[in-house]
Amino acid sequence: MAGRTKQDYHNYTLRDGRIVVKHGITDDVSRRLSQMKSRRLRFTSMTVDPVAVSEETARRREKWRIKAYQRSHRGRKPRYNK
């Protein structure tokens, strides 16, 4: 039986007020938050999924969330997911 993949990635969403500006994944939430601030991205809050998943699952969820956003916003991606 193969071993389980390491589940240490989280999906996150950056918002500027109510507007979603980025969907992403990270394995270290506090480091990623400081990276986003140092890049001077304009956002007011970061929402992190509490359940850790494998990197593959996190990437799949990120793509799904971006596609769902595009369906609701005339095909445009969130501001920082270009």
PDB file of N, CA and C in Angstrom:
ATOM      1  N   MET A   1       0.847  -1.186   0.000  1.00  0.00           N
ATOM      2  CA  MET A   1       0.000   0.000   0.000  1.00  0.00           C
ATOM      3  C   MET A   1       0.890   1.247   0.000  1.00  0.00           C
ATOM      4  N   ALA A   2       0.587   2.159  -0.861  1.00  0.00           N
ATOM      5  CA  ALA A   2       1.366   3.399  -0.963  1.00  0.00           C
ATOM      6  C   ALA A   2       1.058   4.314   0.222  1.00  0.00           C
ATOM      7  N   GLY A   3       2.058   5.101   0.613  1.00  0.00           N
ATOM      8  CA  GLY A   3       1.862   6.039   1.723  1.00  0.00           C
ATOM      9  C   GLY A   3       1.021   7.232   1.303  1.00  0.00           C
ATOM     10  N   ARG A   4       0.445   7.864   2.285  1.00  0.00           N
ATOM     11  CA  ARG A   4      -0.363   9.043   2.007  1.00  0.00           C
ATOM     12  C   ARG A   4       0.533  10.215   1.632  1.00  0.00           C
ATOM     13  N   THR A   5       0.018  11.079   0.784  1.00  0.00           N
ATOM     14  CA  THR A   5       0.757  12.291   0.462  1.00  0.00           C
ATOM     15  C   THR A   5       0.662  13.254   1.629  1.00  0.00           C
ATOM     16  N   LYS A   6       1.676  14.057   1.750  1.00  0.00           N
ATOM     17  CA  LYS A   6       1.727  15.020   2.838  1.00  0.00           C
ATOM     18  C   LYS A   6       0.651  16.079   2.628  1.00  0.00           C
ATOM     19  N   GLN A   7      -0.148  16.305   3.646  1.00  0.00           N
ATOM     20  CA  GLN A   7      -1.245  17.254   3.533  1.00  0.00           C
ATOM     21  C   GLN A   7      -0.927  18.488   4.373  1.00  0.00           C
ATOM     22  N   ASP A   8      -0.241  19.443   3.749  1.00  0.00           N
ATOM     23  CA  ASP A   8       0.146  20.640   4.490  1.00  0.00           C
ATOM     24  C   ASP A   8      -0.080  21.921   3.694  1.00  0.00           C
ATOM     25  N   TYR A   9      -0.921  21.875   2.666  1.00  0.00           N
ATOM     26  CA  TYR A   9      -1.222  23.067   1.868  1.00  0.00           C
ATOM     27  C   TYR A   9      -2.618  23.575   2.200  1.00  0.00           C
ATOM     28  N   HIS A  10      -2.762  24.902   2.143  1.00  0.00           N
ATOM     29  CA  HIS A  10      -4.050  25.543   2.398  1.00  0.00           C
ATOM     30  C   HIS A  10      -4.399  26.430   1.214  1.00  0.00           C
ATOM     31  N   ASN A  11      -5.681  26.494   0.879  1.00  0.00           N
ATOM     32  CA  ASN A  11      -6.156  27.455  -0.106  1.00  0.00           C
ATOM     33  C   ASN A  11      -6.485  28.746   0.624  1.00  0.00           C
ATOM     34  N   TYR A  12      -6.269  29.868  -0.042  1.00  0.00           N
ATOM     35  CA  TYR A  12      -6.593  31.159   0.563  1.00  0.00           C
ATOM     36  C   TYR A  12      -7.223  32.078  -0.470  1.00  0.00           C
ATOM     37  N   THR A  13      -7.927  33.086   0.030  1.00  0.00           N
ATOM     38  CA  THR A  13      -8.560  34.094  -0.815  1.00  0.00           C
ATOM     39  C   THR A  13      -8.205  35.467  -0.267  1.00  0.00           C
ATOM     40  N   LEU A  14      -7.701  36.335  -1.123  1.00  0.00           N
ATOM     41  CA  LEU A  14      -7.452  37.728  -0.748  1.00  0.00           C
ATOM     42  C   LEU A  14      -8.634  38.555  -1.221  1.00  0.00           C
ATOM     43  N   ARG A  15      -9.093  39.464  -0.371  1.00  0.00           N
ATOM     44  CA  ARG A  15     -10.216  40.336  -0.717  1.00  0.00           C
ATOM     45  C   ARG A  15      -9.835  41.793  -0.470  1.00  0.00           C
ATOM     46  N   ASP A  16     -10.379  42.654  -1.300  1.00  0.00           N
ATOM     47  CA  ASP A  16     -10.279  44.091  -1.102  1.00  0.00           C
ATOM     48  C   ASP A  16     -11.709  44.552  -0.829  1.00  0.00           C
ATOM     49  N   GLY A  17     -12.054  44.657   0.444  1.00  0.00           N
ATOM     50  CA  GLY A  17     -13.450  44.870   0.813  1.00  0.00           C
ATOM     51  C   GLY A  17     -14.208  43.586   0.545  1.00  0.00           C
ATOM     52  N   ARG A  18     -15.247  43.662  -0.294  1.00  0.00           N
ATOM     53  CA  ARG A  18     -15.999  42.455  -0.663  1.00  0.00           C
ATOM     54  C   ARG A  18     -15.501  41.830  -1.949  1.00  0.00           C
ATOM     55  N   ILE A  19     -14.604  42.502  -2.656  1.00  0.00           N
ATOM     56  CA  ILE A  19     -14.151  42.051  -3.969  1.00  0.00           C
ATOM     57  C   ILE A  19     -13.002  41.052  -3.823  1.00  0.00           C
ATOM     58  N   VAL A  20     -13.135  39.906  -4.473  1.00  0.00           N
ATOM     59  CA  VAL A  20     -12.061  38.902  -4.475  1.00  0.00           C
ATOM     60  C   VAL A  20     -10.973  39.388  -5.423  1.00  0.00           C
ATOM     61  N   VAL A  21      -9.725  39.453  -4.930  1.00  0.00           N
ATOM     62  CA  VAL A  21      -8.624  39.910  -5.778  1.00  0.00           C
ATOM     63  C   VAL A  21      -7.617  38.803  -6.069  1.00  0.00           C
ATOM     64  N   LYS A  22      -7.651  37.671  -5.333  1.00  0.00           N
ATOM     65  CA  LYS A  22      -6.732  36.567  -5.620  1.00  0.00           C
ATOM     66  C   LYS A  22      -7.174  35.294  -4.914  1.00  0.00           C
ATOM     67  N   HIS A  23      -7.072  34.173  -5.636  1.00  0.00           N
ATOM     68  CA  HIS A  23      -7.192  32.838  -5.056  1.00  0.00           C
ATOM     69  C   HIS A  23      -5.808  32.215  -5.163  1.00  0.00           C
ATOM     70  N   GLY A  24      -5.360  31.523  -4.120  1.00  0.00           N
ATOM     71  CA  GLY A  24      -4.041  30.905  -4.178  1.00  0.00           C
ATOM     72  C   GLY A  24      -3.898  29.770  -3.193  1.00  0.00           C
ATOM     73  N   ILE A  25      -2.680  29.180  -3.177  1.00  0.00           N
ATOM     74  CA  ILE A  25      -2.362  28.114  -2.229  1.00  0.00           C
ATOM     75  C   ILE A  25      -1.057  28.455  -1.529  1.00  0.00           C
ATOM     76  N   THR A  26      -0.873  27.890  -0.336  1.00  0.00           N
ATOM     77  CA  THR A  26       0.355  28.102   0.405  1.00  0.00           C
ATOM     78  C   THR A  26       0.567  26.970   1.398  1.00  0.00           C
ATOM     79  N   ASP A  27       1.831  26.765   1.757  1.00  0.00           N
ATOM     80  CA  ASP A  27       2.129  25.790   2.803  1.00  0.00           C
ATOM     81  C   ASP A  27       2.526  26.487   4.099  1.00  0.00           C
ATOM     82  N   ASP A  28       2.656  27.812   4.058  1.00  0.00           N
ATOM     83  CA  ASP A  28       2.977  28.598   5.254  1.00  0.00           C
ATOM     84  C   ASP A  28       2.195  29.911   5.171  1.00  0.00           C
ATOM     85  N   VAL A  29       1.095  29.977   5.893  1.00  0.00           N
ATOM     86  CA  VAL A  29       0.154  31.097   5.780  1.00  0.00           C
ATOM     87  C   VAL A  29       0.787  32.423   6.192  1.00  0.00           C
ATOM     88  N   SER A  30       1.486  32.464   7.319  1.00  0.00           N
ATOM     89  CA  SER A  30       2.052  33.737   7.785  1.00  0.00           C
ATOM     90  C   SER A  30       3.135  34.249   6.832  1.00  0.00           C
ATOM     91  N   ARG A  31       3.939  33.338   6.277  1.00  0.00           N
ATOM     92  CA  ARG A  31       4.970  33.749   5.313  1.00  0.00           C
ATOM     93  C   ARG A  31       4.321  34.311   4.056  1.00  0.00           C
ATOM     94  N   ARG A  32       3.258  33.649   3.585  1.00  0.00           N
ATOM     95  CA  ARG A  32       2.581  34.109   2.370  1.00  0.00           C
ATOM     96  C   ARG A  32       1.920  35.466   2.580  1.00  0.00           C
ATOM     97  N   LEU A  33       1.347  35.685   3.747  1.00  0.00           N
ATOM     98  CA  LEU A  33       0.732  36.972   4.054  1.00  0.00           C
ATOM     99  C   LEU A  33       1.776  38.087   4.023  1.00  0.00           C
ATOM    100  N   SER A  34       2.937  37.844   4.614  1.00  0.00           N
ATOM    101  CA  SER A  34       3.986  38.872   4.604  1.00  0.00           C
ATOM    102  C   SER A  34       4.524  39.098   3.191  1.00  0.00           C
ATOM    103  N   GLN A  35       4.576  38.043   2.365  1.00  0.00           N
ATOM    104  CA  GLN A  35       5.011  38.209   0.967  1.00  0.00           C
ATOM    105  C   GLN A  35       4.032  39.108   0.210  1.00  0.00           C
ATOM    106  N   MET A  36       2.753  38.878   0.409  1.00  0.00           N
ATOM    107  CA  MET A  36       1.743  39.676  -0.285  1.00  0.00           C
ATOM    108  C   MET A  36       1.816  41.138   0.145  1.00  0.00           C
ATOM    109  N   LYS A  37       2.036  41.368   1.432  1.00  0.00           N
ATOM    110  CA  LYS A  37       2.157  42.747   1.915  1.00  0.00           C
ATOM    111  C   LYS A  37       3.422  43.407   1.384  1.00  0.00           C
ATOM    112  N   SER A  38       4.529  42.666   1.323  1.00  0.00           N
ATOM    113  CA  SER A  38       5.781  43.254   0.835  1.00  0.00           C
ATOM    114  C   SER A  38       5.713  43.554  -0.662  1.00  0.00           C
ATOM    115  N   ARG A  39       4.865  42.814  -1.403  1.00  0.00           N
ATOM    116  CA  ARG A  39       4.676  43.106  -2.830  1.00  0.00           C
ATOM    117  C   ARG A  39       3.729  44.277  -3.030  1.00  0.00           C
ATOM    118  N   ARG A  40       3.207  44.818  -1.917  1.00  0.00           N
ATOM    119  CA  ARG A  40       2.314  45.965  -1.916  1.00  0.00           C
ATOM    120  C   ARG A  40       1.033  45.731  -2.716  1.00  0.00           C
ATOM    121  N   LEU A  41       0.501  44.495  -2.619  1.00  0.00           N
ATOM    122  CA  LEU A  41      -0.788  44.216  -3.232  1.00  0.00           C
ATOM    123  C   LEU A  41      -1.868  44.875  -2.389  1.00  0.00           C
ATOM    124  N   ARG A  42      -2.874  45.388  -3.044  1.00  0.00           N
ATOM    125  CA  ARG A  42      -3.954  46.078  -2.340  1.00  0.00           C
ATOM    126  C   ARG A  42      -5.030  45.071  -1.949  1.00  0.00           C
ATOM    127  N   PHE A  43      -5.125  44.765  -0.652  1.00  0.00           N
ATOM    128  CA  PHE A  43      -6.157  43.889  -0.136  1.00  0.00           C
ATOM    129  C   PHE A  43      -6.415  44.227   1.322  1.00  0.00           C
ATOM    130  N   THR A  44      -7.600  43.868   1.809  1.00  0.00           N
ATOM    131  CA  THR A  44      -7.956  44.179   3.195  1.00  0.00           C
ATOM    132  C   THR A  44      -8.032  42.946   4.076  1.00  0.00           C
ATOM    133  N   SER A  45      -8.268  41.757   3.495  1.00  0.00           N
ATOM    134  CA  SER A  45      -8.360  40.563   4.319  1.00  0.00           C
ATOM    135  C   SER A  45      -7.888  39.332   3.562  1.00  0.00           C
ATOM    136  N   MET A  46      -7.484  38.323   4.334  1.00  0.00           N
ATOM    137  CA  MET A  46      -7.054  37.040   3.782  1.00  0.00           C
ATOM    138  C   MET A  46      -7.855  35.953   4.491  1.00  0.00           C
ATOM    139  N   THR A  47      -8.600  35.178   3.730  1.00  0.00           N
ATOM    140  CA  THR A  47      -9.379  34.071   4.277  1.00  0.00           C
ATOM    141  C   THR A  47      -8.665  32.778   3.916  1.00  0.00           C
ATOM    142  N   VAL A  48      -8.401  31.934   4.915  1.00  0.00           N
ATOM    143  CA  VAL A  48      -7.670  30.687   4.700  1.00  0.00           C
ATOM    144  C   VAL A  48      -8.585  29.513   5.020  1.00  0.00           C
ATOM    145  N   ASP A  49      -8.603  28.508   4.134  1.00  0.00           N
ATOM    146  CA  ASP A  49      -9.348  27.284   4.425  1.00  0.00           C
ATOM    147  C   ASP A  49      -8.669  26.579   5.594  1.00  0.00           C
ATOM    148  N   PRO A  50      -9.421  26.188   6.606  1.00  0.00           N
ATOM    149  CA  PRO A  50      -8.809  25.581   7.791  1.00  0.00           C
ATOM    150  C   PRO A  50      -8.304  24.154   7.575  1.00  0.00           C
ATOM    151  N   VAL A  51      -8.802  23.463   6.555  1.00  0.00           N
ATOM    152  CA  VAL A  51      -8.415  22.077   6.324  1.00  0.00           C
ATOM    153  C   VAL A  51      -7.191  22.017   5.413  1.00  0.00           C
ATOM    154  N   ALA A  52      -6.146  21.337   5.873  1.00  0.00           N
ATOM    155  CA  ALA A  52      -4.944  21.159   5.067  1.00  0.00           C
ATOM    156  C   ALA A  52      -5.168  20.017   4.079  1.00  0.00           C
ATOM    157  N   VAL A  53      -4.682  20.191   2.859  1.00  0.00           N
ATOM    158  CA  VAL A  53      -4.831  19.183   1.811  1.00  0.00           C
ATOM    159  C   VAL A  53      -3.488  18.994   1.113  1.00  0.00           C
ATOM    160  N   SER A  54      -3.415  18.017   0.211  1.00  0.00           N
ATOM    161  CA  SER A  54      -2.186  17.801  -0.549  1.00  0.00           C
ATOM    162  C   SER A  54      -2.011  18.933  -1.563  1.00  0.00           C
ATOM    163  N   GLU A  55      -0.806  19.073  -2.067  1.00  0.00           N
ATOM    164  CA  GLU A  55      -0.530  20.139  -3.040  1.00  0.00           C
ATOM    165  C   GLU A  55      -1.382  19.960  -4.290  1.00  0.00           C
ATOM    166  N   GLU A  56      -1.522  18.738  -4.750  1.00  0.00           N
ATOM    167  CA  GLU A  56      -2.315  18.466  -5.944  1.00  0.00           C
ATOM    168  C   GLU A  56      -3.774  18.881  -5.756  1.00  0.00           C
ATOM    169  N   THR A  57      -4.345  18.536  -4.617  1.00  0.00           N
ATOM    170  CA  THR A  57      -5.734  18.904  -4.329  1.00  0.00           C
ATOM    171  C   THR A  57      -5.875  20.416  -4.204  1.00  0.00           C
ATOM    172  N   ALA A  58      -4.915  21.070  -3.559  1.00  0.00           N
ATOM    173  CA  ALA A  58      -4.957  22.525  -3.405  1.00  0.00           C
ATOM    174  C   ALA A  58      -4.919  23.214  -4.767  1.00  0.00           C
ATOM    175  N   ARG A  59      -4.057  22.736  -5.669  1.00  0.00           N
ATOM    176  CA  ARG A  59      -3.983  23.330  -7.013  1.00  0.00           C
ATOM    177  C   ARG A  59      -5.286  23.116  -7.784  1.00  0.00           C
ATOM    178  N   ARG A  60      -5.864  21.931  -7.650  1.00  0.00           N
ATOM    179  CA  ARG A  60      -7.135  21.649  -8.313  1.00  0.00           C
ATOM    180  C   ARG A  60      -8.221  22.589  -7.801  1.00  0.00           C
ATOM    181  N   ARG A  61      -8.299  22.803  -6.483  1.00  0.00           N
ATOM    182  CA  ARG A  61      -9.306  23.703  -5.903  1.00  0.00           C
ATOM    183  C   ARG A  61      -9.076  25.147  -6.328  1.00  0.00           C
ATOM    184  N   GLU A  62      -7.807  25.548  -6.417  1.00  0.00           N
ATOM    185  CA  GLU A  62      -7.499  26.915  -6.857  1.00  0.00           C
ATOM    186  C   GLU A  62      -8.010  27.129  -8.282  1.00  0.00           C
ATOM    187  N   LYS A  63      -7.727  26.196  -9.175  1.00  0.00           N
ATOM    188  CA  LYS A  63      -8.194  26.318 -10.566  1.00  0.00           C
ATOM    189  C   LYS A  63      -9.714  26.363 -10.625  1.00  0.00           C
ATOM    190  N   TRP A  64     -10.370  25.502  -9.819  1.00  0.00           N
ATOM    191  CA  TRP A  64     -11.824  25.470  -9.797  1.00  0.00           C
ATOM    192  C   TRP A  64     -12.396  26.804  -9.330  1.00  0.00           C
ATOM    193  N   ARG A  65     -11.802  27.396  -8.296  1.00  0.00           N
ATOM    194  CA  ARG A  65     -12.289  28.675  -7.769  1.00  0.00           C
ATOM    195  C   ARG A  65     -12.091  29.812  -8.768  1.00  0.00           C
ATOM    196  N   ILE A  66     -10.973  29.804  -9.476  1.00  0.00           N
ATOM    197  CA  ILE A  66     -10.735  30.839 -10.488  1.00  0.00           C
ATOM    198  C   ILE A  66     -11.744  30.699 -11.625  1.00  0.00           C
ATOM    199  N   LYS A  67     -11.991  29.464 -12.064  1.00  0.00           N
ATOM    200  CA  LYS A  67     -12.985  29.248 -13.128  1.00  0.00           C
ATOM    201  C   LYS A  67     -14.387  29.656 -12.682  1.00  0.00           C
ATOM    202  N   ALA A  68     -14.734  29.379 -11.431  1.00  0.00           N
ATOM    203  CA  ALA A  68     -16.043  29.784 -10.910  1.00  0.00           C
ATOM    204  C   ALA A  68     -16.150  31.308 -10.887  1.00  0.00           C
ATOM    205  N   TYR A  69     -15.068  31.980 -10.500  1.00  0.00           N
ATOM    206  CA  TYR A  69     -15.043  33.447 -10.498  1.00  0.00           C
ATOM    207  C   TYR A  69     -15.255  33.963 -11.924  1.00  0.00           C
ATOM    208  N   GLN A  70     -14.554  33.352 -12.886  1.00  0.00           N
ATOM    209  CA  GLN A  70     -14.661  33.795 -14.274  1.00  0.00           C
ATOM    210  C   GLN A  70     -16.085  33.628 -14.813  1.00  0.00           C
ATOM    211  N   ARG A  71     -16.758  32.542 -14.441  1.00  0.00           N
ATOM    212  CA  ARG A  71     -18.137  32.337 -14.899  1.00  0.00           C
ATOM    213  C   ARG A  71     -19.058  33.452 -14.415  1.00  0.00           C
ATOM    214  N   SER A  72     -18.755  34.009 -13.261  1.00  0.00           N
ATOM    215  CA  SER A  72     -19.609  35.057 -12.697  1.00  0.00           C
ATOM    216  C   SER A  72     -19.174  36.470 -13.079  1.00  0.00           C
ATOM    217  N   HIS A  73     -18.006  36.611 -13.727  1.00  0.00           N
ATOM    218  CA  HIS A  73     -17.462  37.939 -14.016  1.00  0.00           C
ATOM    219  C   HIS A  73     -17.035  38.100 -15.476  1.00  0.00           C
ATOM    220  N   ARG A  74     -17.864  37.608 -16.376  1.00  0.00           N
ATOM    221  CA  ARG A  74     -17.658  37.784 -17.821  1.00  0.00           C
ATOM    222  C   ARG A  74     -16.283  37.306 -18.300  1.00  0.00           C
ATOM    223  N   GLY A  75     -15.778  36.235 -17.720  1.00  0.00           N
ATOM    224  CA  GLY A  75     -14.522  35.651 -18.180  1.00  0.00           C
ATOM    225  C   GLY A  75     -13.260  36.281 -17.624  1.00  0.00           C
ATOM    226  N   ARG A  76     -13.401  37.313 -16.797  1.00  0.00           N
ATOM    227  CA  ARG A  76     -12.209  37.961 -16.213  1.00  0.00           C
ATOM    228  C   ARG A  76     -11.750  37.193 -14.982  1.00  0.00           C
ATOM    229  N   LYS A  77     -10.441  37.126 -14.798  1.00  0.00           N
ATOM    230  CA  LYS A  77      -9.873  36.513 -13.604  1.00  0.00           C
ATOM    231  C   LYS A  77      -9.808  37.548 -12.492  1.00  0.00           C
ATOM    232  N   PRO A  78      -9.637  37.115 -11.227  1.00  0.00           N
ATOM    233  CA  PRO A  78      -9.423  38.080 -10.154  1.00  0.00           C
ATOM    234  C   PRO A  78      -8.201  38.956 -10.445  1.00  0.00           C
ATOM    235  N   ARG A  79      -8.161  40.121  -9.853  1.00  0.00           N
ATOM    236  CA  ARG A  79      -7.157  41.147 -10.142  1.00  0.00           C
ATOM    237  C   ARG A  79      -5.714  40.610 -10.175  1.00  0.00           C
ATOM    238  N   TYR A  80      -5.327  39.804  -9.197  1.00  0.00           N
ATOM    239  CA  TYR A  80      -3.936  39.349  -9.099  1.00  0.00           C
ATOM    240  C   TYR A  80      -3.732  37.924  -9.568  1.00  0.00           C
ATOM    241  N   ASN A  81      -4.702  37.316 -10.238  1.00  0.00           N
ATOM    242  CA  ASN A  81      -4.547  35.976 -10.797  1.00  0.00           C
ATOM    243  C   ASN A  81      -4.341  36.043 -12.305  1.00  0.00           C
ATOM    244  N   LYS A  82      -3.649  36.996 -12.779  1.00  0.00           N
ATOM    245  CA  LYS A  82      -3.458  37.151 -14.234  1.00  0.00           C
ATOM    246  C   LYS A  82      -2.539  36.142 -14.820  1.00  0.00           C
TER     247      LYS A  82
END
